[in-house]
Amino acid sequence: MMNKIKDFFKENIKFFIFLIVFMVVINIPLPYYILAPGGVIDIRDRIKIENKNETEGTLNLLYVTEYEANVGMMVMSYILKDWDTEKVEEVQLSNESMEEIAIRNKVMLENSMQNAILVAYNKSGNTVNIKGQENIVIATTSDNGIKVGDKILRANGIDIDNVETLREVIAKTDIGETIVLDVIREDKAEQINVKVTGNDETKAVGVVVLTNYIYDVDPELELSFKASEGGASGGLMIALNIYNSLTSEDITKGRRIAGTGTIDALGNVGAIDGVKYKIIGAHKNKMEIVFVPKDNYEEAVKVKEEYNYDMEIISVDTFDDALNYLNNN
């Protein structure tokens, strides 16, 4: 028996060598992402509120499917019509790692959720108050010792309440001088010295900072998302879901509704990336109504018409635009 196996391998040695080399080559990583049609996330179960209003229809997030590319997947992207490539450097703010991009996406999702909470509670007439804030580094533009995810507490001993406070400290510091930043990094306190660069009109320390407010609400709310889910583009739909959970009238009216768009604290809806893949994903999941930011509307309609999709695509500029449409249609 053993001799037969040995003979088989000897007779097919070239094939096995080719197979091994082929598998190694197609799995070589490349500095690209593969963008592909996404899907929907029904987040009703991600929202926990006492006496939550139950819905007949759904309010879904739209997402893009994204892969870290290798040789094999790059080949597939040339074969499959709806797969596209994007250089990693195109989504990097300076020479970031994949981990730093993931951290930024997580921070952006948290910011999106907090904005959605504020808008939904205000619009539904429920209590919402600021109980704290965090100033989080979401990108660095120079190698200055600061890392994505650092939480800035103080600059030169001055408490940093928000991004504007940090700007004021930078503006009062001469170019070439050092600012001492007190930060929390991975739950540990650290001090980082950063040098002020630029000119008298535009001073900087090589960081992009986001102020993330944390709210105390009544009724109490718990939001839960997976670690793999990130980014700010779910803001509008999170706000609509929270609002619908707080009010007695079901704005879904039994419909399958999806959407995408960032949201700020005033309820303004902002543009997103990857609308093509999101519209394809909405169709695959039989969505009837799809909300898109005003700036993405033209591209969304173009995709709908190209593929002859049967869905209503609604352009929105604000949370109120989406809410008014659902209430009046």
C-alpha atoms as a PDB file:
ATOM      1  CA  MET A   1       0.000   0.000   0.000  1.00  0.00           C
ATOM      2  CA  MET A   2       2.784   2.402   0.959  1.00  0.00           C
ATOM      3  CA  ASN A   3       4.605   1.660  -2.280  1.00  0.00           C
ATOM      4  CA  LYS A   4       1.493   2.560  -4.295  1.00  0.00           C
ATOM      5  CA  ILE A   5       1.241   5.908  -2.477  1.00  0.00           C
ATOM      6  CA  LYS A   6       4.927   6.632  -3.079  1.00  0.00           C
ATOM      7  CA  ASP A   7       4.568   5.751  -6.756  1.00  0.00           C
ATOM      8  CA  PHE A   8       1.520   8.017  -7.031  1.00  0.00           C
ATOM      9  CA  PHE A   9       3.438  10.983  -5.614  1.00  0.00           C
ATOM     10  CA  LYS A  10       6.454  10.292  -7.839  1.00  0.00           C
ATOM     11  CA  GLU A  11       4.259  10.154 -10.925  1.00  0.00           C
ATOM     12  CA  ASN A  12       2.508  13.415 -10.005  1.00  0.00           C
ATOM     13  CA  ILE A  13       5.382  15.313  -8.390  1.00  0.00           C
ATOM     14  CA  LYS A  14       5.295  18.114 -10.972  1.00  0.00           C
ATOM     15  CA  PHE A  15       1.582  18.642 -10.404  1.00  0.00           C
ATOM     16  CA  PHE A  16       2.037  18.873  -6.606  1.00  0.00           C
ATOM     17  CA  ILE A  17       4.935  21.315  -6.963  1.00  0.00           C
ATOM     18  CA  PHE A  18       2.840  23.439  -9.318  1.00  0.00           C
ATOM     19  CA  LEU A  19      -0.102  23.326  -6.875  1.00  0.00           C
ATOM     20  CA  ILE A  20       2.045  24.427  -3.935  1.00  0.00           C
ATOM     21  CA  VAL A  21       3.661  27.261  -5.907  1.00  0.00           C
ATOM     22  CA  PHE A  22       0.251  28.334  -7.233  1.00  0.00           C
ATOM     23  CA  MET A  23      -1.276  28.481  -3.733  1.00  0.00           C
ATOM     24  CA  VAL A  24       1.691  30.489  -2.437  1.00  0.00           C
ATOM     25  CA  VAL A  25       1.546  32.975  -5.313  1.00  0.00           C
ATOM     26  CA  ILE A  26      -2.213  33.652  -5.238  1.00  0.00           C
ATOM     27  CA  ASN A  27      -2.031  34.347  -1.504  1.00  0.00           C
ATOM     28  CA  ILE A  28       0.735  36.956  -1.734  1.00  0.00           C
ATOM     29  CA  PRO A  29      -0.715  40.096  -0.059  1.00  0.00           C
ATOM     30  CA  LEU A  30      -0.912  43.286  -2.117  1.00  0.00           C
ATOM     31  CA  PRO A  31      -1.298  46.950  -1.021  1.00  0.00           C
ATOM     32  CA  TYR A  32      -4.915  47.107  -2.209  1.00  0.00           C
ATOM     33  CA  TYR A  33      -8.424  46.680  -0.928  1.00  0.00           C
ATOM     34  CA  ILE A  34     -11.071  44.846  -2.912  1.00  0.00           C
ATOM     35  CA  LEU A  35     -14.457  46.599  -2.831  1.00  0.00           C
ATOM     36  CA  ALA A  36     -17.469  44.415  -3.558  1.00  0.00           C
ATOM     37  CA  PRO A  37     -21.279  44.597  -3.227  1.00  0.00           C
ATOM     38  CA  GLY A  38     -22.319  44.658   0.404  1.00  0.00           C
ATOM     39  CA  GLY A  39     -25.532  43.975   2.225  1.00  0.00           C
ATOM     40  CA  VAL A  40     -27.812  45.199   4.977  1.00  0.00           C
ATOM     41  CA  ILE A  41     -27.746  45.067   8.772  1.00  0.00           C
ATOM     42  CA  ASP A  42     -31.076  44.999  10.582  1.00  0.00           C
ATOM     43  CA  ILE A  43     -30.084  46.691  13.843  1.00  0.00           C
ATOM     44  CA  ARG A  44     -33.368  46.453  15.713  1.00  0.00           C
ATOM     45  CA  ASP A  45     -31.840  43.893  18.079  1.00  0.00           C
ATOM     46  CA  ARG A  46     -28.773  46.086  18.585  1.00  0.00           C
ATOM     47  CA  ILE A  47     -30.940  48.725  20.325  1.00  0.00           C
ATOM     48  CA  LYS A  48     -32.125  48.058  23.864  1.00  0.00           C
ATOM     49  CA  ILE A  49     -34.550  50.570  25.397  1.00  0.00           C
ATOM     50  CA  GLU A  50     -37.130  50.053  28.127  1.00  0.00           C
ATOM     51  CA  ASN A  51     -40.674  49.859  26.696  1.00  0.00           C
ATOM     52  CA  LYS A  52     -39.206  49.798  23.197  1.00  0.00           C
ATOM     53  CA  ASN A  53     -41.668  50.346  20.351  1.00  0.00           C
ATOM     54  CA  GLU A  54     -41.791  47.233  18.181  1.00  0.00           C
ATOM     55  CA  THR A  55     -41.813  47.613  14.395  1.00  0.00           C
ATOM     56  CA  GLU A  56     -43.379  45.664  11.559  1.00  0.00           C
ATOM     57  CA  GLY A  57     -40.871  46.804   8.974  1.00  0.00           C
ATOM     58  CA  THR A  58     -37.092  47.249   9.160  1.00  0.00           C
ATOM     59  CA  LEU A  59     -34.647  50.163   9.120  1.00  0.00           C
ATOM     60  CA  ASN A  60     -31.349  48.743   7.857  1.00  0.00           C
ATOM     61  CA  LEU A  61     -27.770  49.924   7.604  1.00  0.00           C
ATOM     62  CA  LEU A  62     -26.038  49.454   4.263  1.00  0.00           C
ATOM     63  CA  TYR A  63     -22.416  48.359   4.084  1.00  0.00           C
ATOM     64  CA  VAL A  64     -19.661  47.701   1.546  1.00  0.00           C
ATOM     65  CA  THR A  65     -17.885  44.329   1.489  1.00  0.00           C
ATOM     66  CA  GLU A  66     -14.163  44.991   1.748  1.00  0.00           C
ATOM     67  CA  TYR A  67     -11.260  42.542   1.500  1.00  0.00           C
ATOM     68  CA  GLU A  68      -7.534  42.932   1.959  1.00  0.00           C
ATOM     69  CA  ALA A  69      -6.251  42.006  -1.489  1.00  0.00           C
ATOM     70  CA  ASN A  70      -3.956  39.220  -2.546  1.00  0.00           C
ATOM     71  CA  VAL A  71      -2.904  38.104  -6.042  1.00  0.00           C
ATOM     72  CA  GLY A  72      -5.844  35.730  -6.424  1.00  0.00           C
ATOM     73  CA  MET A  73      -8.418  38.308  -5.428  1.00  0.00           C
ATOM     74  CA  MET A  74      -6.865  40.907  -7.729  1.00  0.00           C
ATOM     75  CA  VAL A  75      -7.351  38.489 -10.625  1.00  0.00           C
ATOM     76  CA  MET A  76     -10.973  37.977  -9.560  1.00  0.00           C
ATOM     77  CA  SER A  77     -11.513  41.756  -9.510  1.00  0.00           C
ATOM     78  CA  TYR A  78     -10.756  41.872 -13.251  1.00  0.00           C
ATOM     79  CA  ILE A  79     -13.238  39.080 -13.923  1.00  0.00           C
ATOM     80  CA  LEU A  80     -16.161  40.129 -11.715  1.00  0.00           C
ATOM     81  CA  LYS A  81     -17.940  43.244 -12.935  1.00  0.00           C
ATOM     82  CA  ASP A  82     -18.909  44.556  -9.494  1.00  0.00           C
ATOM     83  CA  TRP A  83     -15.515  44.094  -7.834  1.00  0.00           C
ATOM     84  CA  ASP A  84     -13.152  47.069  -7.810  1.00  0.00           C
ATOM     85  CA  THR A  85      -9.720  47.790  -6.358  1.00  0.00           C
ATOM     86  CA  GLU A  86      -8.546  50.652  -4.196  1.00  0.00           C
ATOM     87  CA  LYS A  87      -4.982  51.360  -3.148  1.00  0.00           C
ATOM     88  CA  VAL A  88      -4.416  51.187   0.596  1.00  0.00           C
ATOM     89  CA  GLU A  89      -2.677  54.580   0.413  1.00  0.00           C
ATOM     90  CA  GLU A  90      -5.944  56.108  -0.815  1.00  0.00           C
ATOM     91  CA  VAL A  91      -7.617  55.444   2.551  1.00  0.00           C
ATOM     92  CA  GLN A  92      -4.524  56.206   4.613  1.00  0.00           C
ATOM     93  CA  LEU A  93      -3.960  59.547   6.281  1.00  0.00           C
ATOM     94  CA  SER A  94      -0.142  59.371   6.273  1.00  0.00           C
ATOM     95  CA  ASN A  95       1.636  56.019   6.475  1.00  0.00           C
ATOM     96  CA  GLU A  96      -0.942  54.197   8.605  1.00  0.00           C
ATOM     97  CA  SER A  97      -1.191  50.513   9.371  1.00  0.00           C
ATOM     98  CA  MET A  98      -4.311  48.410   8.788  1.00  0.00           C
ATOM     99  CA  GLU A  99      -4.753  48.332  12.573  1.00  0.00           C
ATOM    100  CA  GLU A 100      -4.781  52.135  12.806  1.00  0.00           C
ATOM    101  CA  ILE A 101      -7.382  52.362  10.027  1.00  0.00           C
ATOM    102  CA  ALA A 102      -9.526  49.857  11.945  1.00  0.00           C
ATOM    103  CA  ILE A 103      -9.167  51.882  15.162  1.00  0.00           C
ATOM    104  CA  ARG A 104     -10.236  55.065  13.349  1.00  0.00           C
ATOM    105  CA  ASN A 105     -13.278  53.300  11.891  1.00  0.00           C
ATOM    106  CA  LYS A 106     -14.267  52.125  15.374  1.00  0.00           C
ATOM    107  CA  VAL A 107     -13.930  55.658  16.771  1.00  0.00           C
ATOM    108  CA  MET A 108     -15.975  57.039  13.865  1.00  0.00           C
ATOM    109  CA  LEU A 109     -18.713  54.474  14.537  1.00  0.00           C
ATOM    110  CA  GLU A 110     -18.839  55.472  18.205  1.00  0.00           C
ATOM    111  CA  ASN A 111     -19.036  59.149  17.230  1.00  0.00           C
ATOM    112  CA  SER A 112     -21.800  58.341  14.764  1.00  0.00           C
ATOM    113  CA  MET A 113     -23.754  56.482  17.450  1.00  0.00           C
ATOM    114  CA  GLN A 114     -23.466  59.331  19.938  1.00  0.00           C
ATOM    115  CA  ASN A 115     -24.630  61.889  17.347  1.00  0.00           C
ATOM    116  CA  ALA A 116     -27.520  59.584  16.454  1.00  0.00           C
ATOM    117  CA  ILE A 117     -28.503  59.310  20.128  1.00  0.00           C
ATOM    118  CA  LEU A 118     -28.537  63.099  20.540  1.00  0.00           C
ATOM    119  CA  VAL A 119     -30.615  63.688  17.412  1.00  0.00           C
ATOM    120  CA  ALA A 120     -33.123  60.879  18.088  1.00  0.00           C
ATOM    121  CA  TYR A 121     -33.729  61.803  21.733  1.00  0.00           C
ATOM    122  CA  ASN A 122     -34.098  65.494  20.923  1.00  0.00           C
ATOM    123  CA  LYS A 123     -36.500  64.838  18.029  1.00  0.00           C
ATOM    124  CA  SER A 124     -38.613  62.442  20.107  1.00  0.00           C
ATOM    125  CA  GLY A 125     -38.827  64.832  23.077  1.00  0.00           C
ATOM    126  CA  ASN A 126     -36.848  62.635  25.474  1.00  0.00           C
ATOM    127  CA  THR A 127     -34.154  63.646  27.952  1.00  0.00           C
ATOM    128  CA  VAL A 128     -30.525  63.786  26.812  1.00  0.00           C
ATOM    129  CA  ASN A 129     -27.614  65.482  28.617  1.00  0.00           C
ATOM    130  CA  ILE A 130     -23.847  65.524  28.105  1.00  0.00           C
ATOM    131  CA  LYS A 131     -22.098  63.494  30.821  1.00  0.00           C
ATOM    132  CA  GLY A 132     -18.604  63.525  29.365  1.00  0.00           C
ATOM    133  CA  GLN A 133     -16.405  63.821  26.303  1.00  0.00           C
ATOM    134  CA  GLU A 134     -13.267  62.298  24.851  1.00  0.00           C
ATOM    135  CA  ASN A 135     -10.818  63.927  22.463  1.00  0.00           C
ATOM    136  CA  ILE A 136      -9.514  61.052  20.361  1.00  0.00           C
ATOM    137  CA  VAL A 137      -6.754  61.081  17.734  1.00  0.00           C
ATOM    138  CA  ILE A 138      -8.187  59.628  14.517  1.00  0.00           C
ATOM    139  CA  ALA A 139      -5.147  60.284  12.302  1.00  0.00           C
ATOM    140  CA  THR A 140      -1.570  61.521  12.410  1.00  0.00           C
ATOM    141  CA  THR A 141       0.095  63.474   9.638  1.00  0.00           C
ATOM    142  CA  SER A 142       3.660  63.135  10.885  1.00  0.00           C
ATOM    143  CA  ASP A 143       5.803  60.769  12.942  1.00  0.00           C
ATOM    144  CA  ASN A 144       5.424  62.669  16.217  1.00  0.00           C
ATOM    145  CA  GLY A 145       4.940  59.901  18.771  1.00  0.00           C
ATOM    146  CA  ILE A 146       1.149  60.225  18.828  1.00  0.00           C
ATOM    147  CA  LYS A 147      -0.876  57.172  17.834  1.00  0.00           C
ATOM    148  CA  VAL A 148      -4.353  56.743  16.378  1.00  0.00           C
ATOM    149  CA  GLY A 149      -6.697  56.041  19.285  1.00  0.00           C
ATOM    150  CA  ASP A 150      -4.830  58.197  21.828  1.00  0.00           C
ATOM    151  CA  LYS A 151      -7.172  60.219  24.062  1.00  0.00           C
ATOM    152  CA  ILE A 152      -5.831  63.720  24.717  1.00  0.00           C
ATOM    153  CA  LEU A 153      -6.458  64.953  28.267  1.00  0.00           C
ATOM    154  CA  ARG A 154      -4.221  68.034  28.577  1.00  0.00           C
ATOM    155  CA  ALA A 155      -1.895  70.215  26.502  1.00  0.00           C
ATOM    156  CA  ASN A 156       0.808  72.098  28.423  1.00  0.00           C
ATOM    157  CA  GLY A 157      -1.188  71.403  31.590  1.00  0.00           C
ATOM    158  CA  ILE A 158      -4.424  72.885  30.196  1.00  0.00           C
ATOM    159  CA  ASP A 159      -7.482  70.588  30.223  1.00  0.00           C
ATOM    160  CA  ILE A 160      -8.655  69.885  26.679  1.00  0.00           C
ATOM    161  CA  ASP A 161     -12.463  70.072  26.635  1.00  0.00           C
ATOM    162  CA  ASN A 162     -12.785  69.876  22.851  1.00  0.00           C
ATOM    163  CA  VAL A 163     -10.873  70.328  19.608  1.00  0.00           C
ATOM    164  CA  GLU A 164     -11.184  74.127  19.792  1.00  0.00           C
ATOM    165  CA  THR A 165      -9.367  74.194  23.144  1.00  0.00           C
ATOM    166  CA  LEU A 166      -6.471  72.266  21.611  1.00  0.00           C
ATOM    167  CA  ARG A 167      -6.364  74.684  18.670  1.00  0.00           C
ATOM    168  CA  GLU A 168      -6.110  77.610  21.089  1.00  0.00           C
ATOM    169  CA  VAL A 169      -3.111  76.056  22.848  1.00  0.00           C
ATOM    170  CA  ILE A 170      -1.402  75.423  19.507  1.00  0.00           C
ATOM    171  CA  ALA A 171      -2.111  78.982  18.313  1.00  0.00           C
ATOM    172  CA  LYS A 172      -0.430  80.444  21.421  1.00  0.00           C
ATOM    173  CA  THR A 173       2.702  78.313  20.963  1.00  0.00           C
ATOM    174  CA  ASP A 174       5.553  79.508  18.738  1.00  0.00           C
ATOM    175  CA  ILE A 175       6.586  77.480  15.691  1.00  0.00           C
ATOM    176  CA  GLY A 176       9.369  75.070  16.594  1.00  0.00           C
ATOM    177  CA  GLU A 177       8.431  74.972  20.264  1.00  0.00           C
ATOM    178  CA  THR A 178       7.144  71.841  22.001  1.00  0.00           C
ATOM    179  CA  ILE A 179       3.720  71.125  23.469  1.00  0.00           C
ATOM    180  CA  VAL A 180       3.441  68.476  26.167  1.00  0.00           C
ATOM    181  CA  LEU A 181       0.364  66.307  25.622  1.00  0.00           C
ATOM    182  CA  ASP A 182      -1.049  64.152  28.405  1.00  0.00           C
ATOM    183  CA  VAL A 183      -2.777  61.203  26.756  1.00  0.00           C
ATOM    184  CA  ILE A 184      -4.414  57.897  27.597  1.00  0.00           C
ATOM    185  CA  ARG A 185      -3.083  55.099  25.404  1.00  0.00           C
ATOM    186  CA  GLU A 186      -4.518  51.613  25.847  1.00  0.00           C
ATOM    187  CA  ASP A 187      -5.739  52.581  29.347  1.00  0.00           C
ATOM    188  CA  LYS A 188      -2.307  53.893  30.393  1.00  0.00           C
ATOM    189  CA  ALA A 189      -1.355  57.525  31.023  1.00  0.00           C
ATOM    190  CA  GLU A 190       1.550  58.878  28.949  1.00  0.00           C
ATOM    191  CA  GLN A 191       3.184  62.221  28.168  1.00  0.00           C
ATOM    192  CA  ILE A 192       4.171  62.963  24.562  1.00  0.00           C
ATOM    193  CA  ASN A 193       6.179  65.962  23.375  1.00  0.00           C
ATOM    194  CA  VAL A 194       5.055  67.281  19.989  1.00  0.00           C
ATOM    195  CA  LYS A 195       6.592  70.116  18.000  1.00  0.00           C
ATOM    196  CA  VAL A 196       4.497  72.915  16.501  1.00  0.00           C
ATOM    197  CA  THR A 197       4.994  73.237  12.738  1.00  0.00           C
ATOM    198  CA  GLY A 198       3.578  75.341   9.895  1.00  0.00           C
ATOM    199  CA  ASN A 199       3.431  79.124   9.732  1.00  0.00           C
ATOM    200  CA  ASP A 200       1.879  81.988  11.699  1.00  0.00           C
ATOM    201  CA  GLU A 201      -1.457  81.531   9.900  1.00  0.00           C
ATOM    202  CA  THR A 202      -1.596  77.737  10.018  1.00  0.00           C
ATOM    203  CA  LYS A 203       0.008  76.020  12.998  1.00  0.00           C
ATOM    204  CA  ALA A 204      -0.264  72.286  13.616  1.00  0.00           C
ATOM    205  CA  VAL A 205       1.133  69.397  15.645  1.00  0.00           C
ATOM    206  CA  GLY A 206       0.440  66.647  13.119  1.00  0.00           C
ATOM    207  CA  VAL A 207      -2.735  65.163  14.566  1.00  0.00           C
ATOM    208  CA  VAL A 208      -6.404  65.027  13.581  1.00  0.00           C
ATOM    209  CA  VAL A 209      -8.611  64.967  16.674  1.00  0.00           C
ATOM    210  CA  LEU A 210     -12.309  64.149  17.066  1.00  0.00           C
ATOM    211  CA  THR A 211     -14.332  65.184  20.123  1.00  0.00           C
ATOM    212  CA  ASN A 212     -16.682  62.370  21.022  1.00  0.00           C
ATOM    213  CA  TYR A 213     -19.461  63.359  23.443  1.00  0.00           C
ATOM    214  CA  ILE A 214     -21.039  60.793  25.761  1.00  0.00           C
ATOM    215  CA  TYR A 215     -24.700  61.282  26.668  1.00  0.00           C
ATOM    216  CA  ASP A 216     -26.862  60.498  29.686  1.00  0.00           C
ATOM    217  CA  VAL A 217     -30.345  59.645  28.387  1.00  0.00           C
ATOM    218  CA  ASP A 218     -33.794  58.822  29.714  1.00  0.00           C
ATOM    219  CA  PRO A 219     -35.034  56.211  29.007  1.00  0.00           C
ATOM    220  CA  GLU A 220     -31.711  54.386  29.254  1.00  0.00           C
ATOM    221  CA  LEU A 221     -30.261  53.071  26.026  1.00  0.00           C
ATOM    222  CA  GLU A 222     -27.783  50.352  25.138  1.00  0.00           C
ATOM    223  CA  LEU A 223     -26.280  50.028  21.649  1.00  0.00           C
ATOM    224  CA  SER A 224     -24.203  47.021  20.646  1.00  0.00           C
ATOM    225  CA  PHE A 225     -22.213  46.582  17.448  1.00  0.00           C
ATOM    226  CA  LYS A 226     -19.668  43.965  16.412  1.00  0.00           C
ATOM    227  CA  ALA A 227     -15.948  44.726  16.547  1.00  0.00           C
ATOM    228  CA  SER A 228     -15.778  44.248  12.762  1.00  0.00           C
ATOM    229  CA  GLU A 229     -18.363  46.990  12.160  1.00  0.00           C
ATOM    230  CA  GLY A 230     -17.017  50.512  11.923  1.00  0.00           C
ATOM    231  CA  GLY A 231     -17.234  53.872  10.218  1.00  0.00           C
ATOM    232  CA  ALA A 232     -19.551  56.840  10.383  1.00  0.00           C
ATOM    233  CA  SER A 233     -21.848  56.054   7.459  1.00  0.00           C
ATOM    234  CA  GLY A 234     -24.494  54.341   9.599  1.00  0.00           C
ATOM    235  CA  GLY A 235     -25.358  57.510  11.524  1.00  0.00           C
ATOM    236  CA  LEU A 236     -28.635  58.355   9.783  1.00  0.00           C
ATOM    237  CA  MET A 237     -30.098  54.853  10.074  1.00  0.00           C
ATOM    238  CA  ILE A 238     -29.009  54.453  13.695  1.00  0.00           C
ATOM    239  CA  ALA A 239     -30.796  57.730  14.500  1.00  0.00           C
ATOM    240  CA  LEU A 240     -33.975  56.605  12.710  1.00  0.00           C
ATOM    241  CA  ASN A 241     -33.902  53.265  14.539  1.00  0.00           C
ATOM    242  CA  ILE A 242     -33.501  54.907  17.954  1.00  0.00           C
ATOM    243  CA  TYR A 243     -36.234  57.426  17.180  1.00  0.00           C
ATOM    244  CA  ASN A 244     -38.589  54.662  16.076  1.00  0.00           C
ATOM    245  CA  SER A 245     -37.850  52.730  19.279  1.00  0.00           C
ATOM    246  CA  LEU A 246     -38.743  55.749  21.421  1.00  0.00           C
ATOM    247  CA  THR A 247     -42.009  56.785  19.786  1.00  0.00           C
ATOM    248  CA  SER A 248     -45.415  55.133  19.739  1.00  0.00           C
ATOM    249  CA  GLU A 249     -45.945  55.330  15.969  1.00  0.00           C
ATOM    250  CA  ASP A 250     -44.058  52.911  13.718  1.00  0.00           C
ATOM    251  CA  ILE A 251     -42.496  54.974  10.932  1.00  0.00           C
ATOM    252  CA  THR A 252     -41.573  51.835   8.959  1.00  0.00           C
ATOM    253  CA  LYS A 253     -45.262  51.021   8.278  1.00  0.00           C
ATOM    254  CA  GLY A 254     -44.211  47.468   7.505  1.00  0.00           C
ATOM    255  CA  ARG A 255     -41.714  48.484   4.808  1.00  0.00           C
ATOM    256  CA  ARG A 256     -38.166  47.261   4.180  1.00  0.00           C
ATOM    257  CA  ILE A 257     -36.124  50.453   4.450  1.00  0.00           C
ATOM    258  CA  ALA A 258     -32.368  50.919   4.177  1.00  0.00           C
ATOM    259  CA  GLY A 259     -30.036  53.868   4.038  1.00  0.00           C
ATOM    260  CA  THR A 260     -26.601  55.337   4.472  1.00  0.00           C
ATOM    261  CA  GLY A 261     -25.145  58.665   5.502  1.00  0.00           C
ATOM    262  CA  THR A 262     -23.202  60.261   8.331  1.00  0.00           C
ATOM    263  CA  ILE A 263     -25.025  62.398  10.864  1.00  0.00           C
ATOM    264  CA  ASP A 264     -23.804  65.294  12.983  1.00  0.00           C
ATOM    265  CA  ALA A 265     -25.143  66.640  16.266  1.00  0.00           C
ATOM    266  CA  LEU A 266     -27.547  68.973  14.419  1.00  0.00           C
ATOM    267  CA  GLY A 267     -29.041  66.174  12.318  1.00  0.00           C
ATOM    268  CA  ASN A 268     -27.267  67.062   9.068  1.00  0.00           C
ATOM    269  CA  VAL A 269     -26.630  64.056   6.810  1.00  0.00           C
ATOM    270  CA  GLY A 270     -23.208  63.819   5.154  1.00  0.00           C
ATOM    271  CA  ALA A 271     -21.818  62.063   2.080  1.00  0.00           C
ATOM    272  CA  ILE A 272     -20.360  58.553   2.163  1.00  0.00           C
ATOM    273  CA  ASP A 273     -18.127  56.323   0.042  1.00  0.00           C
ATOM    274  CA  GLY A 274     -19.065  53.145  -1.807  1.00  0.00           C
ATOM    275  CA  VAL A 275     -22.650  54.027  -2.706  1.00  0.00           C
ATOM    276  CA  LYS A 276     -22.530  51.731  -5.761  1.00  0.00           C
ATOM    277  CA  TYR A 277     -21.870  48.643  -3.650  1.00  0.00           C
ATOM    278  CA  LYS A 278     -24.490  49.681  -1.110  1.00  0.00           C
ATOM    279  CA  ILE A 279     -27.226  50.074  -3.721  1.00  0.00           C
ATOM    280  CA  ILE A 280     -26.387  46.637  -5.147  1.00  0.00           C
ATOM    281  CA  GLY A 281     -26.539  45.202  -1.622  1.00  0.00           C
ATOM    282  CA  ALA A 282     -29.891  46.901  -0.983  1.00  0.00           C
ATOM    283  CA  HIS A 283     -31.340  45.307  -4.120  1.00  0.00           C
ATOM    284  CA  LYS A 284     -30.047  41.847  -3.213  1.00  0.00           C
ATOM    285  CA  ASN A 285     -31.838  42.150   0.119  1.00  0.00           C
ATOM    286  CA  LYS A 286     -35.094  43.388  -1.469  1.00  0.00           C
ATOM    287  CA  MET A 287     -35.126  46.855   0.083  1.00  0.00           C
ATOM    288  CA  GLU A 288     -38.098  48.994  -0.967  1.00  0.00           C
ATOM    289  CA  ILE A 289     -36.849  52.445   0.107  1.00  0.00           C
ATOM    290  CA  VAL A 290     -33.206  53.567   0.243  1.00  0.00           C
ATOM    291  CA  PHE A 291     -32.083  56.862   1.763  1.00  0.00           C
ATOM    292  CA  VAL A 292     -28.836  58.363   0.465  1.00  0.00           C
ATOM    293  CA  PRO A 293     -27.127  61.697   1.170  1.00  0.00           C
ATOM    294  CA  LYS A 294     -27.860  64.458  -1.309  1.00  0.00           C
ATOM    295  CA  ASP A 295     -24.255  64.416  -2.569  1.00  0.00           C
ATOM    296  CA  ASN A 296     -24.508  60.666  -3.376  1.00  0.00           C
ATOM    297  CA  TYR A 297     -27.978  60.760  -4.949  1.00  0.00           C
ATOM    298  CA  GLU A 298     -26.939  61.119  -8.594  1.00  0.00           C
ATOM    299  CA  GLU A 299     -24.574  58.133  -8.430  1.00  0.00           C
ATOM    300  CA  ALA A 300     -27.167  56.025  -6.577  1.00  0.00           C
ATOM    301  CA  VAL A 301     -29.826  56.697  -9.221  1.00  0.00           C
ATOM    302  CA  LYS A 302     -27.320  55.898 -11.986  1.00  0.00           C
ATOM    303  CA  VAL A 303     -26.672  52.461 -10.429  1.00  0.00           C
ATOM    304  CA  LYS A 304     -30.401  51.839 -10.012  1.00  0.00           C
ATOM    305  CA  GLU A 305     -31.092  52.672 -13.661  1.00  0.00           C
ATOM    306  CA  GLU A 306     -28.087  50.728 -14.988  1.00  0.00           C
ATOM    307  CA  TYR A 307     -29.258  47.536 -13.250  1.00  0.00           C
ATOM    308  CA  ASN A 308     -32.987  48.319 -13.570  1.00  0.00           C
ATOM    309  CA  TYR A 309     -33.638  47.958  -9.829  1.00  0.00           C
ATOM    310  CA  ASP A 310     -37.148  48.283  -8.416  1.00  0.00           C
ATOM    311  CA  MET A 311     -36.662  50.542  -5.385  1.00  0.00           C
ATOM    312  CA  GLU A 312     -37.283  54.118  -4.307  1.00  0.00           C
ATOM    313  CA  ILE A 313     -34.075  56.105  -3.802  1.00  0.00           C
ATOM    314  CA  ILE A 314     -34.636  59.173  -1.649  1.00  0.00           C
ATOM    315  CA  SER A 315     -32.182  62.061  -1.369  1.00  0.00           C
ATOM    316  CA  VAL A 316     -31.838  63.488   2.154  1.00  0.00           C
ATOM    317  CA  ASP A 317     -29.927  66.433   3.543  1.00  0.00           C
ATOM    318  CA  THR A 318     -31.069  66.102   7.150  1.00  0.00           C
ATOM    319  CA  PHE A 319     -32.612  63.649   9.602  1.00  0.00           C
ATOM    320  CA  ASP A 320     -35.875  65.594   9.243  1.00  0.00           C
ATOM    321  CA  ASP A 321     -35.895  64.952   5.482  1.00  0.00           C
ATOM    322  CA  ALA A 322     -35.907  61.192   6.071  1.00  0.00           C
ATOM    323  CA  LEU A 323     -38.412  61.380   8.924  1.00  0.00           C
ATOM    324  CA  ASN A 324     -40.817  63.577   6.957  1.00  0.00           C
ATOM    325  CA  TYR A 325     -40.693  61.210   3.991  1.00  0.00           C
ATOM    326  CA  LEU A 326     -41.506  58.197   6.142  1.00  0.00           C
ATOM    327  CA  ASN A 327     -44.329  60.000   7.951  1.00  0.00           C
ATOM    328  CA  ASN A 328     -45.911  61.317   4.749  1.00  0.00           C
ATOM    329  CA  ASN A 329     -45.549  58.302   2.459  1.00  0.00           C
END
